[in-house]
Amino acid sequence: MKRLASIALFISIILISGCNTNELEILKTEYRAQFNEMYILGEPQLIDSYEKWQLFLESHPEQSNNEDNFGWDLEELFFEESVIYAYISNESSGSNRFEAEKAEVSDNILRLYMTRTVPETGTDDLATRICFFGIKNADIQNIKSVEAIINVKR
């Protein structure tokens, strides 16, 4: 009986440690870009250098709207220790909010959590919203895939 209890305890320790979720300390922001149907949608995009960052911003220009202005001013030093994951969403209404929430690593999978807030009444203009996650390289060394998880609030 003691042996069976020891085996059960050992298995539970392995399962608990194997399912460990690690919420990461991240930088996060979002903005409204000019709408474009040609953007890559539905998958996180890795930006791992200052040059790629500049190209991304140039190819996804900000929509001139005071409430959705972009707040980051990153320099080359940032990319010595960190990367950015960008997630682009074309929204059916400019009234929809799309916000970066958190990032977690579990089972070698990086999960990026975002929240879409859809008001009861909205505008009929299309909008492109982009969420950014600044993550330290040391926190994601062993990841094998990246997933985007979007929660919807109404």
C-alpha atoms as a PDB file:
ATOM      1  CA  MET A   1       0.000   0.000   0.000  1.00  0.00           C
ATOM      2  CA  LYS A   2       2.874   2.401   0.817  1.00  0.00           C
ATOM      3  CA  ARG A   3       4.401   1.678  -2.574  1.00  0.00           C
ATOM      4  CA  LEU A   4       1.129   2.513  -4.357  1.00  0.00           C
ATOM      5  CA  ALA A   5       0.858   5.778  -2.384  1.00  0.00           C
ATOM      6  CA  SER A   6       4.476   6.653  -3.229  1.00  0.00           C
ATOM      7  CA  ILE A   7       3.872   6.014  -6.936  1.00  0.00           C
ATOM      8  CA  ALA A   8       0.724   8.150  -6.870  1.00  0.00           C
ATOM      9  CA  LEU A   9       2.597  10.982  -5.134  1.00  0.00           C
ATOM     10  CA  PHE A  10       5.454  10.778  -7.643  1.00  0.00           C
ATOM     11  CA  ILE A  11       3.055  10.894 -10.613  1.00  0.00           C
ATOM     12  CA  SER A  12       1.163  13.859  -9.171  1.00  0.00           C
ATOM     13  CA  ILE A  13       4.424  15.790  -8.642  1.00  0.00           C
ATOM     14  CA  ILE A  14       5.417  15.162 -12.263  1.00  0.00           C
ATOM     15  CA  LEU A  15       1.998  16.236 -13.546  1.00  0.00           C
ATOM     16  CA  ILE A  16       1.939  19.383 -11.437  1.00  0.00           C
ATOM     17  CA  SER A  17       5.453  20.446 -12.406  1.00  0.00           C
ATOM     18  CA  GLY A  18       4.866  19.559 -16.062  1.00  0.00           C
ATOM     19  CA  CYS A  19       1.786  21.777 -16.224  1.00  0.00           C
ATOM     20  CA  ASN A  20       3.453  24.749 -14.622  1.00  0.00           C
ATOM     21  CA  THR A  21       2.346  28.047 -16.126  1.00  0.00           C
ATOM     22  CA  ASN A  22       4.712  30.958 -15.881  1.00  0.00           C
ATOM     23  CA  GLU A  23       3.222  34.446 -16.362  1.00  0.00           C
ATOM     24  CA  LEU A  24       5.886  36.683 -17.837  1.00  0.00           C
ATOM     25  CA  GLU A  25       6.802  40.236 -16.999  1.00  0.00           C
ATOM     26  CA  ILE A  26       6.153  42.081 -20.255  1.00  0.00           C
ATOM     27  CA  LEU A  27       5.832  45.481 -21.846  1.00  0.00           C
ATOM     28  CA  LYS A  28       2.521  45.836 -23.605  1.00  0.00           C
ATOM     29  CA  THR A  29       0.723  48.386 -25.687  1.00  0.00           C
ATOM     30  CA  GLU A  30      -1.624  48.621 -28.632  1.00  0.00           C
ATOM     31  CA  TYR A  31      -2.672  51.090 -31.268  1.00  0.00           C
ATOM     32  CA  ARG A  32      -4.981  51.617 -34.191  1.00  0.00           C
ATOM     33  CA  ALA A  33      -3.240  51.353 -37.534  1.00  0.00           C
ATOM     34  CA  GLN A  34      -4.532  52.469 -40.896  1.00  0.00           C
ATOM     35  CA  PHE A  35      -6.837  49.763 -42.214  1.00  0.00           C
ATOM     36  CA  ASN A  36      -5.333  47.445 -44.803  1.00  0.00           C
ATOM     37  CA  GLU A  37      -6.696  44.093 -45.951  1.00  0.00           C
ATOM     38  CA  MET A  38      -3.165  42.949 -46.881  1.00  0.00           C
ATOM     39  CA  TYR A  39      -1.849  42.780 -43.304  1.00  0.00           C
ATOM     40  CA  ILE A  40      -0.891  39.362 -41.926  1.00  0.00           C
ATOM     41  CA  LEU A  41      -3.744  38.491 -39.590  1.00  0.00           C
ATOM     42  CA  GLY A  42      -4.418  35.759 -37.066  1.00  0.00           C
ATOM     43  CA  GLU A  43      -0.862  34.883 -36.063  1.00  0.00           C
ATOM     44  CA  PRO A  44       1.663  36.540 -33.768  1.00  0.00           C
ATOM     45  CA  GLN A  45       4.552  38.100 -35.657  1.00  0.00           C
ATOM     46  CA  LEU A  46       8.059  38.131 -34.221  1.00  0.00           C
ATOM     47  CA  ILE A  47      10.005  41.393 -34.370  1.00  0.00           C
ATOM     48  CA  ASP A  48      13.537  40.684 -33.172  1.00  0.00           C
ATOM     49  CA  SER A  49      15.580  43.678 -34.307  1.00  0.00           C
ATOM     50  CA  TYR A  50      15.380  47.452 -34.375  1.00  0.00           C
ATOM     51  CA  GLU A  51      15.414  47.400 -38.180  1.00  0.00           C
ATOM     52  CA  LYS A  52      12.426  45.021 -38.292  1.00  0.00           C
ATOM     53  CA  TRP A  53      10.674  47.211 -35.733  1.00  0.00           C
ATOM     54  CA  GLN A  54      11.121  50.309 -37.904  1.00  0.00           C
ATOM     55  CA  LEU A  55       9.908  48.412 -41.000  1.00  0.00           C
ATOM     56  CA  PHE A  56       6.853  47.140 -39.120  1.00  0.00           C
ATOM     57  CA  LEU A  57       5.889  50.635 -37.989  1.00  0.00           C
ATOM     58  CA  GLU A  58       6.382  52.033 -41.504  1.00  0.00           C
ATOM     59  CA  SER A  59       4.257  49.304 -43.094  1.00  0.00           C
ATOM     60  CA  HIS A  60       1.526  49.574 -40.410  1.00  0.00           C
ATOM     61  CA  PRO A  61       1.130  53.353 -40.072  1.00  0.00           C
ATOM     62  CA  GLU A  62      -0.836  54.787 -37.198  1.00  0.00           C
ATOM     63  CA  GLN A  63      -4.388  55.957 -37.810  1.00  0.00           C
ATOM     64  CA  SER A  64      -4.514  59.627 -36.910  1.00  0.00           C
ATOM     65  CA  ASN A  65      -6.781  59.458 -33.905  1.00  0.00           C
ATOM     66  CA  ASN A  66      -5.904  61.136 -30.618  1.00  0.00           C
ATOM     67  CA  GLU A  67      -7.304  58.395 -28.378  1.00  0.00           C
ATOM     68  CA  ASP A  68      -5.389  55.544 -30.047  1.00  0.00           C
ATOM     69  CA  ASN A  69      -1.912  56.999 -30.277  1.00  0.00           C
ATOM     70  CA  PHE A  70       1.055  54.687 -29.982  1.00  0.00           C
ATOM     71  CA  GLY A  71       3.064  55.104 -26.785  1.00  0.00           C
ATOM     72  CA  TRP A  72       6.404  53.304 -27.283  1.00  0.00           C
ATOM     73  CA  ASP A  73       9.686  54.870 -28.279  1.00  0.00           C
ATOM     74  CA  LEU A  74      12.070  51.904 -28.379  1.00  0.00           C
ATOM     75  CA  GLU A  75      15.767  52.057 -29.153  1.00  0.00           C
ATOM     76  CA  GLU A  76      18.241  49.508 -30.500  1.00  0.00           C
ATOM     77  CA  LEU A  77      19.300  48.539 -26.962  1.00  0.00           C
ATOM     78  CA  PHE A  78      15.847  47.066 -26.317  1.00  0.00           C
ATOM     79  CA  PHE A  79      16.453  44.331 -28.894  1.00  0.00           C
ATOM     80  CA  GLU A  80      19.716  43.207 -27.281  1.00  0.00           C
ATOM     81  CA  GLU A  81      17.710  41.519 -24.508  1.00  0.00           C
ATOM     82  CA  SER A  82      14.136  41.453 -25.781  1.00  0.00           C
ATOM     83  CA  VAL A  83      11.829  40.830 -28.730  1.00  0.00           C
ATOM     84  CA  ILE A  84       8.364  41.993 -29.660  1.00  0.00           C
ATOM     85  CA  TYR A  85       5.421  39.910 -30.741  1.00  0.00           C
ATOM     86  CA  ALA A  86       2.772  41.823 -32.697  1.00  0.00           C
ATOM     87  CA  TYR A  87      -0.766  40.594 -33.246  1.00  0.00           C
ATOM     88  CA  ILE A  88      -2.913  42.337 -35.858  1.00  0.00           C
ATOM     89  CA  SER A  89      -6.687  42.246 -35.957  1.00  0.00           C
ATOM     90  CA  ASN A  90      -8.973  43.828 -38.536  1.00  0.00           C
ATOM     91  CA  GLU A  91     -12.052  44.861 -36.592  1.00  0.00           C
ATOM     92  CA  SER A  92     -15.542  45.297 -38.007  1.00  0.00           C
ATOM     93  CA  SER A  93     -15.981  48.536 -36.053  1.00  0.00           C
ATOM     94  CA  GLY A  94     -13.685  51.356 -35.051  1.00  0.00           C
ATOM     95  CA  SER A  95     -15.501  51.327 -31.697  1.00  0.00           C
ATOM     96  CA  ASN A  96     -14.092  47.900 -30.826  1.00  0.00           C
ATOM     97  CA  ARG A  97     -11.218  47.966 -28.345  1.00  0.00           C
ATOM     98  CA  PHE A  98      -8.412  45.411 -28.648  1.00  0.00           C
ATOM     99  CA  GLU A  99      -5.934  45.291 -25.765  1.00  0.00           C
ATOM    100  CA  ALA A 100      -2.844  43.278 -24.843  1.00  0.00           C
ATOM    101  CA  GLU A 101      -3.322  41.672 -21.422  1.00  0.00           C
ATOM    102  CA  LYS A 102      -0.566  39.214 -20.487  1.00  0.00           C
ATOM    103  CA  ALA A 103       1.830  36.535 -21.711  1.00  0.00           C
ATOM    104  CA  GLU A 104       2.465  33.089 -20.250  1.00  0.00           C
ATOM    105  CA  VAL A 105       4.790  30.195 -20.988  1.00  0.00           C
ATOM    106  CA  SER A 106       3.611  26.655 -20.400  1.00  0.00           C
ATOM    107  CA  ASP A 107       4.813  23.370 -21.934  1.00  0.00           C
ATOM    108  CA  ASN A 108       7.168  25.285 -24.294  1.00  0.00           C
ATOM    109  CA  ILE A 109       4.259  27.320 -25.672  1.00  0.00           C
ATOM    110  CA  LEU A 110       4.132  31.103 -25.428  1.00  0.00           C
ATOM    111  CA  ARG A 111       0.544  32.267 -25.033  1.00  0.00           C
ATOM    112  CA  LEU A 112      -0.365  35.887 -25.724  1.00  0.00           C
ATOM    113  CA  TYR A 113      -3.644  36.988 -24.137  1.00  0.00           C
ATOM    114  CA  MET A 114      -5.708  39.827 -25.537  1.00  0.00           C
ATOM    115  CA  THR A 115      -9.172  41.219 -24.870  1.00  0.00           C
ATOM    116  CA  ARG A 116     -11.572  42.494 -27.510  1.00  0.00           C
ATOM    117  CA  THR A 117     -14.296  44.755 -26.146  1.00  0.00           C
ATOM    118  CA  VAL A 118     -17.329  45.097 -28.413  1.00  0.00           C
ATOM    119  CA  PRO A 119     -19.802  47.833 -27.430  1.00  0.00           C
ATOM    120  CA  GLU A 120     -23.554  47.368 -27.899  1.00  0.00           C
ATOM    121  CA  THR A 121     -23.575  50.067 -30.542  1.00  0.00           C
ATOM    122  CA  GLY A 122     -20.588  50.911 -32.651  1.00  0.00           C
ATOM    123  CA  THR A 123     -19.490  52.599 -35.814  1.00  0.00           C
ATOM    124  CA  ASP A 124     -19.582  50.937 -39.215  1.00  0.00           C
ATOM    125  CA  ASP A 125     -15.980  51.787 -40.119  1.00  0.00           C
ATOM    126  CA  LEU A 126     -13.337  49.065 -40.342  1.00  0.00           C
ATOM    127  CA  ALA A 127     -10.375  49.358 -37.999  1.00  0.00           C
ATOM    128  CA  THR A 128      -7.017  47.656 -37.671  1.00  0.00           C
ATOM    129  CA  ARG A 129      -5.899  47.148 -34.080  1.00  0.00           C
ATOM    130  CA  ILE A 130      -2.421  45.921 -33.186  1.00  0.00           C
ATOM    131  CA  CYS A 131      -1.322  44.500 -29.826  1.00  0.00           C
ATOM    132  CA  PHE A 132       2.372  44.440 -28.922  1.00  0.00           C
ATOM    133  CA  PHE A 133       4.100  42.276 -26.333  1.00  0.00           C
ATOM    134  CA  GLY A 134       7.697  43.125 -25.375  1.00  0.00           C
ATOM    135  CA  ILE A 135       9.264  39.969 -23.919  1.00  0.00           C
ATOM    136  CA  LYS A 136      12.758  39.230 -22.613  1.00  0.00           C
ATOM    137  CA  ASN A 137      14.697  36.652 -24.644  1.00  0.00           C
ATOM    138  CA  ALA A 138      15.632  34.779 -21.457  1.00  0.00           C
ATOM    139  CA  ASP A 139      11.935  34.128 -20.731  1.00  0.00           C
ATOM    140  CA  ILE A 140      11.238  32.456 -24.071  1.00  0.00           C
ATOM    141  CA  GLN A 141      14.419  30.523 -24.848  1.00  0.00           C
ATOM    142  CA  ASN A 142      12.760  27.107 -25.096  1.00  0.00           C
ATOM    143  CA  ILE A 143       9.437  27.957 -26.723  1.00  0.00           C
ATOM    144  CA  LYS A 144       8.400  25.863 -29.699  1.00  0.00           C
ATOM    145  CA  SER A 145       5.222  27.709 -30.671  1.00  0.00           C
ATOM    146  CA  VAL A 146       3.234  30.884 -30.017  1.00  0.00           C
ATOM    147  CA  GLU A 147      -0.533  31.046 -29.551  1.00  0.00           C
ATOM    148  CA  ALA A 148      -2.886  34.007 -29.468  1.00  0.00           C
ATOM    149  CA  ILE A 149      -5.846  33.822 -27.106  1.00  0.00           C
ATOM    150  CA  ILE A 150      -8.549  36.443 -27.476  1.00  0.00           C
ATOM    151  CA  ASN A 151     -11.262  36.956 -24.862  1.00  0.00           C
ATOM    152  CA  VAL A 152     -14.347  38.853 -25.981  1.00  0.00           C
ATOM    153  CA  LYS A 153     -16.227  41.231 -23.675  1.00  0.00           C
ATOM    154  CA  ARG A 154     -19.538  42.750 -24.638  1.00  0.00           C
END
